[in-house]
Amino acid sequence: MSQELIVIGKIVAPHGVRGDVRVTPLTDFPDRFLTMKSVLVGEKRSLPIETAKFHKQFLLLKFRGFDDRNAVEELRGQLLHVHRQDLVPLQEGEFYVFDIIGMDVYSVDGNLLGKIDDVIETGSNDVYVVERPDNRPLLVPALKKIVATMDVANRRMVIQRPEEWDSDED
């Protein structure tokens, strides 16, 4: 599992004439690029990062050995990866979205409700979209009073019964 690759960005285009590339960060931690020494381009090619800086909504990267626009053209559209063990450590109770997608969701009384199909970021709290067997989505607010347990290792979440969510208890 430690060799699992995680996508953290996508090279969209060359930038300028000196071999920089414009990258769309696909991570909640885009500042990580500023301290990285290298990154996997595609799934196997490790390239040393010479410089990294933000420009508008993009990140500009310069790879060692790529000194002009033509040299980096071949990188257009490539995904940037890191190994799972190189991810930014999370605080207790925080999870990566890719670890949550596909997780089985059970009610506290043991009934399988479905699988997490998506995570919606609302600003105040995330909402888990659970695909139920009848294909009707169940929207589960990521709140401590609703999510009883989250077991990433066993791919299992336990939630309060949906009919109890409206209680006035806080």
Foldseek 3Di string as FASTA:
>chain_A
DQQDKDFFWWFAAADDFFAKTWIQTPDPCVCVVQPDQWWDWANPDIFGWPGWDDDVNTIITHTPPRTTRVSCRVSHGTTTIDGPVPDDDDDPPDDDQVLQFQFFEAEPVGHTAAGFHGWDDDPVFIWTWGQGPVRDTDTHTPDCQFWVDDDSVNSYTYGHPPVPVPDPDD
